[in-house]
PDB file of N, CA and C in Angstrom:
ATOM      1  N   MET A   1     -79.095  -2.110 -34.889  1.00  0.00           N
ATOM      2  CA  MET A   1     -77.683  -2.422 -34.923  1.00  0.00           C
ATOM      3  C   MET A   1     -77.046  -1.875 -33.643  1.00  0.00           C
ATOM      4  N   THR A   2     -76.271  -2.717 -32.986  1.00  0.00           N
ATOM      5  CA  THR A   2     -75.637  -2.311 -31.733  1.00  0.00           C
ATOM      6  C   THR A   2     -74.434  -1.408 -32.011  1.00  0.00           C
ATOM      7  N   GLU A   3     -73.940  -0.773 -30.983  1.00  0.00           N
ATOM      8  CA  GLU A   3     -72.755   0.092 -31.127  1.00  0.00           C
ATOM      9  C   GLU A   3     -71.551  -0.724 -31.580  1.00  0.00           C
ATOM     10  N   LEU A   4     -71.412  -1.943 -31.049  1.00  0.00           N
ATOM     11  CA  LEU A   4     -70.300  -2.795 -31.461  1.00  0.00           C
ATOM     12  C   LEU A   4     -70.379  -3.084 -32.954  1.00  0.00           C
ATOM     13  N   GLN A   5     -71.587  -3.404 -33.447  1.00  0.00           N
ATOM     14  CA  GLN A   5     -71.756  -3.669 -34.871  1.00  0.00           C
ATOM     15  C   GLN A   5     -71.419  -2.435 -35.698  1.00  0.00           C
ATOM     16  N   LYS A   6     -71.854  -1.258 -35.242  1.00  0.00           N
ATOM     17  CA  LYS A   6     -71.550  -0.014 -35.961  1.00  0.00           C
ATOM     18  C   LYS A   6     -70.047   0.231 -36.003  1.00  0.00           C
ATOM     19  N   ASP A   7     -69.375  -0.004 -34.881  1.00  0.00           N
ATOM     20  CA  ASP A   7     -67.925   0.196 -34.839  1.00  0.00           C
ATOM     21  C   ASP A   7     -67.207  -0.781 -35.761  1.00  0.00           C
ATOM     22  N   LEU A   8     -67.657  -2.050 -35.752  1.00  0.00           N
ATOM     23  CA  LEU A   8     -67.039  -3.041 -36.629  1.00  0.00           C
ATOM     24  C   LEU A   8     -67.248  -2.682 -38.095  1.00  0.00           C
ATOM     25  N   TRP A   9     -68.456  -2.257 -38.421  1.00  0.00           N
ATOM     26  CA  TRP A   9     -68.763  -1.884 -39.808  1.00  0.00           C
ATOM     27  C   TRP A   9     -67.925  -0.694 -40.245  1.00  0.00           C
ATOM     28  N   ALA A  10     -67.806   0.305 -39.391  1.00  0.00           N
ATOM     29  CA  ALA A  10     -66.995   1.482 -39.712  1.00  0.00           C
ATOM     30  C   ALA A  10     -65.535   1.084 -39.903  1.00  0.00           C
ATOM     31  N   ALA A  11     -65.049   0.188 -39.066  1.00  0.00           N
ATOM     32  CA  ALA A  11     -63.663  -0.260 -39.184  1.00  0.00           C
ATOM     33  C   ALA A  11     -63.443  -1.042 -40.472  1.00  0.00           C
ATOM     34  N   MET A  12     -64.418  -1.876 -40.849  1.00  0.00           N
ATOM     35  CA  MET A  12     -64.253  -2.690 -42.053  1.00  0.00           C
ATOM     36  C   MET A  12     -64.337  -1.850 -43.315  1.00  0.00           C
ATOM     37  N   THR A  13     -65.303  -0.958 -43.398  1.00  0.00           N
ATOM     38  CA  THR A  13     -65.492  -0.204 -44.636  1.00  0.00           C
ATOM     39  C   THR A  13     -64.544   0.971 -44.748  1.00  0.00           C
ATOM     40  N   GLY A  14     -63.966   1.397 -43.647  1.00  0.00           N
ATOM     41  CA  GLY A  14     -63.026   2.508 -43.693  1.00  0.00           C
ATOM     42  C   GLY A  14     -61.620   2.074 -44.027  1.00  0.00           C
ATOM     43  N   SER A  15     -61.420   0.790 -44.239  1.00  0.00           N
ATOM     44  CA  SER A  15     -60.085   0.257 -44.503  1.00  0.00           C
ATOM     45  C   SER A  15     -59.626   0.586 -45.912  1.00  0.00           C
ATOM     46  N   ASP A  16     -58.337   0.669 -46.057  1.00  0.00           N
ATOM     47  CA  ASP A  16     -57.734   0.747 -47.378  1.00  0.00           C
ATOM     48  C   ASP A  16     -58.037  -0.577 -48.067  1.00  0.00           C
ATOM     49  N   LEU A  17     -58.444  -0.548 -49.340  1.00  0.00           N
ATOM     50  CA  LEU A  17     -58.824  -1.773 -50.032  1.00  0.00           C
ATOM     51  C   LEU A  17     -57.668  -2.753 -50.151  1.00  0.00           C
ATOM     52  N   ARG A  18     -56.433  -2.272 -50.001  1.00  0.00           N
ATOM     53  CA  ARG A  18     -55.281  -3.164 -50.077  1.00  0.00           C
ATOM     54  C   ARG A  18     -54.993  -3.824 -48.737  1.00  0.00           C
ATOM     55  N   GLU A  19     -55.706  -3.428 -47.708  1.00  0.00           N
ATOM     56  CA  GLU A  19     -55.494  -3.994 -46.379  1.00  0.00           C
ATOM     57  C   GLU A  19     -56.540  -5.066 -46.096  1.00  0.00           C
ATOM     58  N   MET A  20     -56.196  -5.928 -45.201  1.00  0.00           N
ATOM     59  CA  MET A  20     -57.149  -6.932 -44.757  1.00  0.00           C
ATOM     60  C   MET A  20     -57.194  -6.880 -43.239  1.00  0.00           C
ATOM     61  N   LYS A  21     -58.366  -6.719 -42.684  1.00  0.00           N
ATOM     62  CA  LYS A  21     -58.511  -6.697 -41.239  1.00  0.00           C
ATOM     63  C   LYS A  21     -59.147  -7.997 -40.795  1.00  0.00           C
ATOM     64  N   ILE A  22     -58.679  -8.506 -39.710  1.00  0.00           N
ATOM     65  CA  ILE A  22     -59.254  -9.713 -39.142  1.00  0.00           C
ATOM     66  C   ILE A  22     -59.971  -9.294 -37.869  1.00  0.00           C
ATOM     67  N   ILE A  23     -61.251  -9.597 -37.831  1.00  0.00           N
ATOM     68  CA  ILE A  23     -62.073  -9.212 -36.686  1.00  0.00           C
ATOM     69  C   ILE A  23     -62.624 -10.483 -36.073  1.00  0.00           C
ATOM     70  N   MET A  24     -62.428 -10.634 -34.791  1.00  0.00           N
ATOM     71  CA  MET A  24     -62.946 -11.807 -34.098  1.00  0.00           C
ATOM     72  C   MET A  24     -64.091 -11.380 -33.207  1.00  0.00           C
ATOM     73  N   GLY A  25     -65.071 -12.212 -33.109  1.00  0.00           N
ATOM     74  CA  GLY A  25     -66.205 -11.912 -32.251  1.00  0.00           C
ATOM     75  C   GLY A  25     -66.665 -13.167 -31.548  1.00  0.00           C
ATOM     76  N   GLY A  26     -67.222 -12.996 -30.407  1.00  0.00           N
ATOM     77  CA  GLY A  26     -67.766 -14.122 -29.667  1.00  0.00           C
ATOM     78  C   GLY A  26     -69.213 -14.345 -30.051  1.00  0.00           C
ATOM     79  N   ARG A  27     -69.909 -15.042 -29.213  1.00  0.00           N
ATOM     80  CA  ARG A  27     -71.312 -15.328 -29.486  1.00  0.00           C
ATOM     81  C   ARG A  27     -72.163 -14.088 -29.254  1.00  0.00           C
ATOM     82  N   GLN A  28     -73.207 -13.957 -30.059  1.00  0.00           N
ATOM     83  CA  GLN A  28     -74.216 -12.909 -29.894  1.00  0.00           C
ATOM     84  C   GLN A  28     -73.674 -11.498 -30.028  1.00  0.00           C
ATOM     85  N   VAL A  29     -72.637 -11.313 -30.857  1.00  0.00           N
ATOM     86  CA  VAL A  29     -72.123  -9.956 -31.071  1.00  0.00           C
ATOM     87  C   VAL A  29     -72.462  -9.434 -32.454  1.00  0.00           C
ATOM     88  N   GLY A  30     -73.181 -10.214 -33.248  1.00  0.00           N
ATOM     89  CA  GLY A  30     -73.640  -9.741 -34.551  1.00  0.00           C
ATOM     90  C   GLY A  30     -72.686 -10.011 -35.685  1.00  0.00           C
ATOM     91  N   ASN A  31     -71.744 -10.967 -35.510  1.00  0.00           N
ATOM     92  CA  ASN A  31     -70.794 -11.204 -36.586  1.00  0.00           C
ATOM     93  C   ASN A  31     -71.465 -11.775 -37.834  1.00  0.00           C
ATOM     94  N   SER A  32     -72.575 -12.512 -37.723  1.00  0.00           N
ATOM     95  CA  SER A  32     -73.251 -13.009 -38.923  1.00  0.00           C
ATOM     96  C   SER A  32     -73.921 -11.860 -39.670  1.00  0.00           C
ATOM     97  N   VAL A  33     -74.460 -10.884 -38.948  1.00  0.00           N
ATOM     98  CA  VAL A  33     -75.043  -9.699 -39.584  1.00  0.00           C
ATOM     99  C   VAL A  33     -73.956  -8.923 -40.309  1.00  0.00           C
ATOM    100  N   MET A  34     -72.799  -8.811 -39.687  1.00  0.00           N
ATOM    101  CA  MET A  34     -71.683  -8.094 -40.304  1.00  0.00           C
ATOM    102  C   MET A  34     -71.234  -8.794 -41.587  1.00  0.00           C
ATOM    103  N   ALA A  35     -71.189 -10.117 -41.561  1.00  0.00           N
ATOM    104  CA  ALA A  35     -70.789 -10.874 -42.752  1.00  0.00           C
ATOM    105  C   ALA A  35     -71.786 -10.656 -43.886  1.00  0.00           C
ATOM    106  N   GLN A  36     -73.087 -10.649 -43.588  1.00  0.00           N
ATOM    107  CA  GLN A  36     -74.099 -10.406 -44.619  1.00  0.00           C
ATOM    108  C   GLN A  36     -73.945  -9.003 -45.206  1.00  0.00           C
ATOM    109  N   MET A  37     -73.733  -8.011 -44.343  1.00  0.00           N
ATOM    110  CA  MET A  37     -73.568  -6.637 -44.823  1.00  0.00           C
ATOM    111  C   MET A  37     -72.321  -6.522 -45.697  1.00  0.00           C
ATOM    112  N   TRP A  38     -71.252  -7.165 -45.291  1.00  0.00           N
ATOM    113  CA  TRP A  38     -70.001  -7.138 -46.051  1.00  0.00           C
ATOM    114  C   TRP A  38     -70.218  -7.742 -47.435  1.00  0.00           C
ATOM    115  N   ASN A  39     -70.869  -8.906 -47.492  1.00  0.00           N
ATOM    116  CA  ASN A  39     -71.101  -9.582 -48.765  1.00  0.00           C
ATOM    117  C   ASN A  39     -72.003  -8.773 -49.684  1.00  0.00           C
ATOM    118  N   GLN A  40     -73.002  -8.081 -49.144  1.00  0.00           N
ATOM    119  CA  GLN A  40     -73.891  -7.263 -49.965  1.00  0.00           C
ATOM    120  C   GLN A  40     -73.175  -6.028 -50.487  1.00  0.00           C
ATOM    121  N   THR A  41     -72.297  -5.444 -49.679  1.00  0.00           N
ATOM    122  CA  THR A  41     -71.591  -4.240 -50.088  1.00  0.00           C
ATOM    123  C   THR A  41     -70.551  -4.538 -51.155  1.00  0.00           C
ATOM    124  N   PHE A  42     -69.844  -5.632 -51.015  1.00  0.00           N
ATOM    125  CA  PHE A  42     -68.752  -5.955 -51.928  1.00  0.00           C
ATOM    126  C   PHE A  42     -69.100  -7.131 -52.828  1.00  0.00           C
ATOM    127  N   GLU A  43     -70.352  -7.143 -53.298  1.00  0.00           N
ATOM    128  CA  GLU A  43     -70.816  -8.215 -54.167  1.00  0.00           C
ATOM    129  C   GLU A  43     -70.026  -8.194 -55.474  1.00  0.00           C
ATOM    130  N   ILE A  44     -69.674  -9.365 -55.960  1.00  0.00           N
ATOM    131  CA  ILE A  44     -68.854  -9.475 -57.160  1.00  0.00           C
ATOM    132  C   ILE A  44     -69.744  -9.462 -58.390  1.00  0.00           C
ATOM    133  N   GLY A  45     -69.819  -8.338 -59.065  1.00  0.00           N
ATOM    134  CA  GLY A  45     -70.491  -8.201 -60.345  1.00  0.00           C
ATOM    135  C   GLY A  45     -71.793  -8.960 -60.515  1.00  0.00           C
ATOM    136  N   GLU A  46     -72.007  -9.428 -61.723  1.00  0.00           N
ATOM    137  CA  GLU A  46     -73.206 -10.181 -62.071  1.00  0.00           C
ATOM    138  C   GLU A  46     -72.837 -11.655 -62.154  1.00  0.00           C
ATOM    139  N   TYR A  47     -73.561 -12.470 -61.436  1.00  0.00           N
ATOM    140  CA  TYR A  47     -73.293 -13.902 -61.477  1.00  0.00           C
ATOM    141  C   TYR A  47     -74.565 -14.664 -61.141  1.00  0.00           C
ATOM    142  N   TYR A  48     -74.597 -15.901 -61.543  1.00  0.00           N
ATOM    143  CA  TYR A  48     -75.628 -16.818 -61.078  1.00  0.00           C
ATOM    144  C   TYR A  48     -75.057 -18.223 -61.159  1.00  0.00           C
ATOM    145  N   THR A  49     -75.555 -19.066 -60.319  1.00  0.00           N
ATOM    146  CA  THR A  49     -75.153 -20.464 -60.337  1.00  0.00           C
ATOM    147  C   THR A  49     -76.377 -21.330 -60.026  1.00  0.00           C
ATOM    148  N   VAL A  50     -76.462 -22.459 -60.687  1.00  0.00           N
ATOM    149  CA  VAL A  50     -77.579 -23.372 -60.475  1.00  0.00           C
ATOM    150  C   VAL A  50     -77.283 -24.210 -59.231  1.00  0.00           C
ATOM    151  N   VAL A  51     -78.182 -24.131 -58.265  1.00  0.00           N
ATOM    152  CA  VAL A  51     -78.039 -24.884 -57.026  1.00  0.00           C
ATOM    153  C   VAL A  51     -78.696 -26.256 -57.163  1.00  0.00           C
ATOM    154  N   ASP A  52     -79.836 -26.299 -57.848  1.00  0.00           N
ATOM    155  CA  ASP A  52     -80.584 -27.546 -57.985  1.00  0.00           C
ATOM    156  C   ASP A  52     -81.541 -27.413 -59.163  1.00  0.00           C
ATOM    157  N   LYS A  53     -82.031 -28.540 -59.630  1.00  0.00           N
ATOM    158  CA  LYS A  53     -83.077 -28.532 -60.653  1.00  0.00           C
ATOM    159  C   LYS A  53     -83.986 -29.719 -60.428  1.00  0.00           C
ATOM    160  N   ALA A  54     -85.256 -29.554 -60.813  1.00  0.00           N
ATOM    161  CA  ALA A  54     -86.238 -30.620 -60.593  1.00  0.00           C
ATOM    162  C   ALA A  54     -87.411 -30.440 -61.547  1.00  0.00           C
ATOM    163  N   MET A  55     -88.075 -31.565 -61.825  1.00  0.00           N
ATOM    164  CA  MET A  55     -89.299 -31.534 -62.625  1.00  0.00           C
ATOM    165  C   MET A  55     -90.468 -31.255 -61.687  1.00  0.00           C
ATOM    166  N   VAL A  56     -91.277 -30.248 -62.019  1.00  0.00           N
ATOM    167  CA  VAL A  56     -92.449 -29.886 -61.234  1.00  0.00           C
ATOM    168  C   VAL A  56     -93.616 -29.752 -62.207  1.00  0.00           C
ATOM    169  N   ASP A  57     -94.642 -30.566 -62.037  1.00  0.00           N
ATOM    170  CA  ASP A  57     -95.809 -30.553 -62.921  1.00  0.00           C
ATOM    171  C   ASP A  57     -95.399 -30.624 -64.390  1.00  0.00           C
ATOM    172  N   HIS A  58     -94.524 -31.550 -64.714  1.00  0.00           N
ATOM    173  CA  HIS A  58     -94.054 -31.813 -66.074  1.00  0.00           C
ATOM    174  C   HIS A  58     -93.278 -30.646 -66.684  1.00  0.00           C
ATOM    175  N   ALA A  59     -92.705 -29.781 -65.862  1.00  0.00           N
ATOM    176  CA  ALA A  59     -91.879 -28.676 -66.351  1.00  0.00           C
ATOM    177  C   ALA A  59     -90.591 -28.626 -65.532  1.00  0.00           C
ATOM    178  N   GLN A  60     -89.504 -28.268 -66.200  1.00  0.00           N
ATOM    179  CA  GLN A  60     -88.205 -28.178 -65.521  1.00  0.00           C
ATOM    180  C   GLN A  60     -88.106 -26.850 -64.772  1.00  0.00           C
ATOM    181  N   TRP A  61     -87.722 -26.907 -63.495  1.00  0.00           N
ATOM    182  CA  TRP A  61     -87.495 -25.731 -62.670  1.00  0.00           C
ATOM    183  C   TRP A  61     -86.070 -25.762 -62.149  1.00  0.00           C
ATOM    184  N   TYR A  62     -85.487 -24.580 -61.985  1.00  0.00           N
ATOM    185  CA  TYR A  62     -84.123 -24.453 -61.498  1.00  0.00           C
ATOM    186  C   TYR A  62     -84.105 -23.597 -60.237  1.00  0.00           C
ATOM    187  N   THR A  63     -83.254 -23.959 -59.301  1.00  0.00           N
ATOM    188  CA  THR A  63     -82.984 -23.110 -58.151  1.00  0.00           C
ATOM    189  C   THR A  63     -81.654 -22.439 -58.437  1.00  0.00           C
ATOM    190  N   VAL A  64     -81.662 -21.106 -58.511  1.00  0.00           N
ATOM    191  CA  VAL A  64     -80.436 -20.363 -58.809  1.00  0.00           C
ATOM    192  C   VAL A  64     -80.113 -19.391 -57.688  1.00  0.00           C
ATOM    193  N   LYS A  65     -78.826 -19.271 -57.402  1.00  0.00           N
ATOM    194  CA  LYS A  65     -78.315 -18.257 -56.488  1.00  0.00           C
ATOM    195  C   LYS A  65     -77.651 -17.228 -57.385  1.00  0.00           C
ATOM    196  N   CYS A  66     -78.011 -15.956 -57.197  1.00  0.00           N
ATOM    197  CA  CYS A  66     -77.544 -14.962 -58.145  1.00  0.00           C
ATOM    198  C   CYS A  66     -77.229 -13.628 -57.460  1.00  0.00           C
ATOM    199  N   SER A  67     -76.658 -12.733 -58.243  1.00  0.00           N
ATOM    200  CA  SER A  67     -76.356 -11.391 -57.738  1.00  0.00           C
ATOM    201  C   SER A  67     -77.649 -10.588 -57.600  1.00  0.00           C
ATOM    202  N   GLY A  68     -77.557  -9.461 -56.912  1.00  0.00           N
ATOM    203  CA  GLY A  68     -78.726  -8.614 -56.701  1.00  0.00           C
ATOM    204  C   GLY A  68     -79.318  -8.094 -57.999  1.00  0.00           C
ATOM    205  N   LYS A  69     -78.453  -7.746 -58.962  1.00  0.00           N
ATOM    206  CA  LYS A  69     -78.935  -7.215 -60.248  1.00  0.00           C
ATOM    207  C   LYS A  69     -79.719  -8.285 -61.017  1.00  0.00           C
ATOM    208  N   ILE A  70     -79.202  -9.496 -61.051  1.00  0.00           N
ATOM    209  CA  ILE A  70     -79.902 -10.572 -61.753  1.00  0.00           C
ATOM    210  C   ILE A  70     -81.182 -10.939 -61.012  1.00  0.00           C
ATOM    211  N   SER A  71     -81.135 -10.939 -59.689  1.00  0.00           N
ATOM    212  CA  SER A  71     -82.332 -11.218 -58.893  1.00  0.00           C
ATOM    213  C   SER A  71     -83.434 -10.203 -59.197  1.00  0.00           C
ATOM    214  N   ALA A  72     -83.064  -8.932 -59.303  1.00  0.00           N
ATOM    215  CA  ALA A  72     -84.050  -7.893 -59.638  1.00  0.00           C
ATOM    216  C   ALA A  72     -84.634  -8.128 -61.026  1.00  0.00           C
ATOM    217  N   TRP A  73     -83.794  -8.545 -61.983  1.00  0.00           N
ATOM    218  CA  TRP A  73     -84.267  -8.824 -63.335  1.00  0.00           C
ATOM    219  C   TRP A  73     -85.274  -9.977 -63.310  1.00  0.00           C
ATOM    220  N   ILE A  74     -84.947 -11.050 -62.582  1.00  0.00           N
ATOM    221  CA  ILE A  74     -85.846 -12.206 -62.501  1.00  0.00           C
ATOM    222  C   ILE A  74     -87.177 -11.799 -61.884  1.00  0.00           C
ATOM    223  N   LYS A  75     -87.137 -10.963 -60.851  1.00  0.00           N
ATOM    224  CA  LYS A  75     -88.367 -10.569 -60.165  1.00  0.00           C
ATOM    225  C   LYS A  75     -89.252  -9.667 -61.014  1.00  0.00           C
ATOM    226  N   ASN A  76     -88.734  -9.157 -62.122  1.00  0.00           N
ATOM    227  CA  ASN A  76     -89.542  -8.374 -63.061  1.00  0.00           C
ATOM    228  C   ASN A  76     -90.184  -9.244 -64.137  1.00  0.00           C
ATOM    229  N   GLN A  77     -89.934 -10.543 -64.089  1.00  0.00           N
ATOM    230  CA  GLN A  77     -90.517 -11.471 -65.052  1.00  0.00           C
ATOM    231  C   GLN A  77     -91.936 -11.830 -64.603  1.00  0.00           C
ATOM    232  N   PRO A  78     -92.732 -12.452 -65.472  1.00  0.00           N
ATOM    233  CA  PRO A  78     -94.132 -12.759 -65.137  1.00  0.00           C
ATOM    234  C   PRO A  78     -94.271 -13.576 -63.855  1.00  0.00           C
ATOM    235  N   GLU A  79     -95.278 -13.219 -63.073  1.00  0.00           N
ATOM    236  CA  GLU A  79     -95.565 -13.954 -61.846  1.00  0.00           C
ATOM    237  C   GLU A  79     -95.923 -15.397 -62.185  1.00  0.00           C
ATOM    238  N   GLY A  80     -95.594 -16.291 -61.309  1.00  0.00           N
ATOM    239  CA  GLY A  80     -95.858 -17.700 -61.538  1.00  0.00           C
ATOM    240  C   GLY A  80     -94.727 -18.403 -62.268  1.00  0.00           C
ATOM    241  N   MET A  81     -93.783 -17.636 -62.793  1.00  0.00           N
ATOM    242  CA  MET A  81     -92.621 -18.217 -63.474  1.00  0.00           C
ATOM    243  C   MET A  81     -91.393 -18.231 -62.560  1.00  0.00           C
ATOM    244  N   TRP A  82     -91.505 -17.598 -61.396  1.00  0.00           N
ATOM    245  CA  TRP A  82     -90.408 -17.594 -60.422  1.00  0.00           C
ATOM    246  C   TRP A  82     -90.996 -17.475 -59.012  1.00  0.00           C
ATOM    247  N   TYR A  83     -90.269 -17.986 -58.052  1.00  0.00           N
ATOM    248  CA  TYR A  83     -90.659 -17.904 -56.645  1.00  0.00           C
ATOM    249  C   TYR A  83     -89.405 -17.734 -55.792  1.00  0.00           C
ATOM    250  N   GLU A  84     -89.564 -17.081 -54.643  1.00  0.00           N
ATOM    251  CA  GLU A  84     -88.469 -17.037 -53.673  1.00  0.00           C
ATOM    252  C   GLU A  84     -88.223 -18.476 -53.234  1.00  0.00           C
ATOM    253  N   HIS A  85     -86.974 -18.878 -53.150  1.00  0.00           N
ATOM    254  CA  HIS A  85     -86.663 -20.257 -52.764  1.00  0.00           C
ATOM    255  C   HIS A  85     -86.870 -20.444 -51.268  1.00  0.00           C
ATOM    256  N   ILE A  86     -87.585 -21.499 -50.909  1.00  0.00           N
ATOM    257  CA  ILE A  86     -87.804 -21.856 -49.508  1.00  0.00           C
ATOM    258  C   ILE A  86     -87.246 -23.261 -49.324  1.00  0.00           C
ATOM    259  N   ASP A  87     -86.332 -23.434 -48.368  1.00  0.00           N
ATOM    260  CA  ASP A  87     -85.729 -24.751 -48.181  1.00  0.00           C
ATOM    261  C   ASP A  87     -86.578 -25.640 -47.279  1.00  0.00           C
ATOM    262  N   LYS A  88     -86.079 -26.818 -46.979  1.00  0.00           N
ATOM    263  CA  LYS A  88     -86.837 -27.801 -46.200  1.00  0.00           C
ATOM    264  C   LYS A  88     -87.155 -27.332 -44.790  1.00  0.00           C
ATOM    265  N   ASP A  89     -86.402 -26.356 -44.270  1.00  0.00           N
ATOM    266  CA  ASP A  89     -86.648 -25.811 -42.932  1.00  0.00           C
ATOM    267  C   ASP A  89     -87.448 -24.506 -42.992  1.00  0.00           C
ATOM    268  N   TRP A  90     -88.053 -24.213 -44.134  1.00  0.00           N
ATOM    269  CA  TRP A  90     -88.854 -23.013 -44.353  1.00  0.00           C
ATOM    270  C   TRP A  90     -88.032 -21.731 -44.227  1.00  0.00           C
ATOM    271  N   MET A  91     -86.773 -21.793 -44.627  1.00  0.00           N
ATOM    272  CA  MET A  91     -85.905 -20.612 -44.615  1.00  0.00           C
ATOM    273  C   MET A  91     -85.894 -20.000 -46.019  1.00  0.00           C
ATOM    274  N   VAL A  92     -85.891 -18.684 -46.096  1.00  0.00           N
ATOM    275  CA  VAL A  92     -85.798 -17.966 -47.367  1.00  0.00           C
ATOM    276  C   VAL A  92     -84.433 -17.291 -47.411  1.00  0.00           C
ATOM    277  N   TYR A  93     -83.735 -17.415 -48.534  1.00  0.00           N
ATOM    278  CA  TYR A  93     -82.404 -16.849 -48.672  1.00  0.00           C
ATOM    279  C   TYR A  93     -82.403 -15.735 -49.703  1.00  0.00           C
ATOM    280  N   LYS A  94     -81.689 -14.665 -49.404  1.00  0.00           N
ATOM    281  CA  LYS A  94     -81.606 -13.515 -50.303  1.00  0.00           C
ATOM    282  C   LYS A  94     -80.974 -13.946 -51.627  1.00  0.00           C
ATOM    283  N   ASN A  95     -81.589 -13.536 -52.723  1.00  0.00           N
ATOM    284  CA  ASN A  95     -81.093 -13.777 -54.082  1.00  0.00           C
ATOM    285  C   ASN A  95     -80.969 -15.258 -54.433  1.00  0.00           C
ATOM    286  N   THR A  96     -81.801 -16.096 -53.841  1.00  0.00           N
ATOM    287  CA  THR A  96     -81.904 -17.494 -54.244  1.00  0.00           C
ATOM    288  C   THR A  96     -83.358 -17.710 -54.659  1.00  0.00           C
ATOM    289  N   LEU A  97     -83.536 -18.061 -55.926  1.00  0.00           N
ATOM    290  CA  LEU A  97     -84.880 -18.119 -56.502  1.00  0.00           C
ATOM    291  C   LEU A  97     -85.114 -19.437 -57.225  1.00  0.00           C
ATOM    292  N   ASP A  98     -86.364 -19.857 -57.269  1.00  0.00           N
ATOM    293  CA  ASP A  98     -86.785 -20.987 -58.089  1.00  0.00           C
ATOM    294  C   ASP A  98     -87.386 -20.398 -59.363  1.00  0.00           C
ATOM    295  N   ILE A  99     -86.842 -20.809 -60.509  1.00  0.00           N
ATOM    296  CA  ILE A  99     -87.295 -20.226 -61.777  1.00  0.00           C
ATOM    297  C   ILE A  99     -87.659 -21.331 -62.771  1.00  0.00           C
ATOM    298  N   HIS A 100     -88.654 -21.043 -63.597  1.00  0.00           N
ATOM    299  CA  HIS A 100     -89.103 -21.946 -64.660  1.00  0.00           C
ATOM    300  C   HIS A 100     -88.024 -22.000 -65.737  1.00  0.00           C
ATOM    301  N   GLU A 101     -88.004 -23.083 -66.494  1.00  0.00           N
ATOM    302  CA  GLU A 101     -86.969 -23.238 -67.520  1.00  0.00           C
ATOM    303  C   GLU A 101     -87.007 -22.132 -68.577  1.00  0.00           C
ATOM    304  N   LYS A 102     -88.173 -21.545 -68.827  1.00  0.00           N
ATOM    305  CA  LYS A 102     -88.245 -20.435 -69.795  1.00  0.00           C
ATOM    306  C   LYS A 102     -87.472 -19.223 -69.286  1.00  0.00           C
ATOM    307  N   ILE A 103     -87.609 -18.922 -67.995  1.00  0.00           N
ATOM    308  CA  ILE A 103     -86.853 -17.808 -67.410  1.00  0.00           C
ATOM    309  C   ILE A 103     -85.369 -18.150 -67.381  1.00  0.00           C
ATOM    310  N   TYR A 104     -85.051 -19.426 -67.083  1.00  0.00           N
ATOM    311  CA  TYR A 104     -83.650 -19.856 -67.066  1.00  0.00           C
ATOM    312  C   TYR A 104     -83.023 -19.711 -68.454  1.00  0.00           C
ATOM    313  N   THR A 105     -83.767 -20.058 -69.486  1.00  0.00           N
ATOM    314  CA  THR A 105     -83.260 -19.904 -70.860  1.00  0.00           C
ATOM    315  C   THR A 105     -82.993 -18.439 -71.169  1.00  0.00           C
ATOM    316  N   MET A 106     -83.906 -17.556 -70.797  1.00  0.00           N
ATOM    317  CA  MET A 106     -83.700 -16.120 -71.016  1.00  0.00           C
ATOM    318  C   MET A 106     -82.517 -15.607 -70.185  1.00  0.00           C
ATOM    319  N   LEU A 107     -82.364 -16.141 -68.988  1.00  0.00           N
ATOM    320  CA  LEU A 107     -81.235 -15.772 -68.131  1.00  0.00           C
ATOM    321  C   LEU A 107     -79.915 -16.121 -68.808  1.00  0.00           C
ATOM    322  N   GLN A 108     -79.845 -17.309 -69.395  1.00  0.00           N
ATOM    323  CA  GLN A 108     -78.637 -17.712 -70.103  1.00  0.00           C
ATOM    324  C   GLN A 108     -78.371 -16.825 -71.314  1.00  0.00           C
ATOM    325  N   LEU A 109     -79.423 -16.484 -72.050  1.00  0.00           N
ATOM    326  CA  LEU A 109     -79.247 -15.635 -73.225  1.00  0.00           C
ATOM    327  C   LEU A 109     -78.803 -14.222 -72.838  1.00  0.00           C
ATOM    328  N   LYS A 110     -79.369 -13.693 -71.750  1.00  0.00           N
ATOM    329  CA  LYS A 110     -79.068 -12.327 -71.340  1.00  0.00           C
ATOM    330  C   LYS A 110     -77.705 -12.203 -70.653  1.00  0.00           C
ATOM    331  N   TYR A 111     -77.374 -13.156 -69.763  1.00  0.00           N
ATOM    332  CA  TYR A 111     -76.162 -13.039 -68.936  1.00  0.00           C
ATOM    333  C   TYR A 111     -75.092 -14.064 -69.250  1.00  0.00           C
ATOM    334  N   GLY A 112     -75.318 -14.923 -70.229  1.00  0.00           N
ATOM    335  CA  GLY A 112     -74.301 -15.910 -70.582  1.00  0.00           C
ATOM    336  C   GLY A 112     -74.329 -17.128 -69.676  1.00  0.00           C
ATOM    337  N   ASP A 113     -73.312 -17.959 -69.823  1.00  0.00           N
ATOM    338  CA  ASP A 113     -73.227 -19.169 -69.009  1.00  0.00           C
ATOM    339  C   ASP A 113     -73.045 -18.815 -67.546  1.00  0.00           C
ATOM    340  N   GLU A 114     -73.427 -19.756 -66.690  1.00  0.00           N
ATOM    341  CA  GLU A 114     -73.347 -19.495 -65.246  1.00  0.00           C
ATOM    342  C   GLU A 114     -71.897 -19.323 -64.820  1.00  0.00           C
ATOM    343  N   ARG A 115     -71.721 -18.476 -63.812  1.00  0.00           N
ATOM    344  CA  ARG A 115     -70.405 -18.235 -63.234  1.00  0.00           C
ATOM    345  C   ARG A 115     -70.517 -18.459 -61.742  1.00  0.00           C
ATOM    346  N   VAL A 116     -69.437 -18.910 -61.170  1.00  0.00           N
ATOM    347  CA  VAL A 116     -69.426 -19.132 -59.718  1.00  0.00           C
ATOM    348  C   VAL A 116     -68.550 -18.079 -59.075  1.00  0.00           C
TER     349      VAL A 116
END
């Protein structure tokens, strides 16, 4: 992390929660890294949302984007029933998983209906 990124992070997290700071950055200054750190630090409770669903080998699979707590719960389920989601460009996204319908059913029972 560069000094600029450290300064921006300190400025953002040291703010009064009732204040809003607007920080502008040019190219290659780490603003996307800062946005990821901000979103991870101030994650909104427990949530999941279905991004996509498809039939795979005669079984229903769901792609879900979820909070860190739910992601950890899913990753404790049996292997082969969930996978890290990989998109068409071979990118992996944090807390986006492909899950079998059995895990999805348990997810609904444990955490309720999906929230956005």
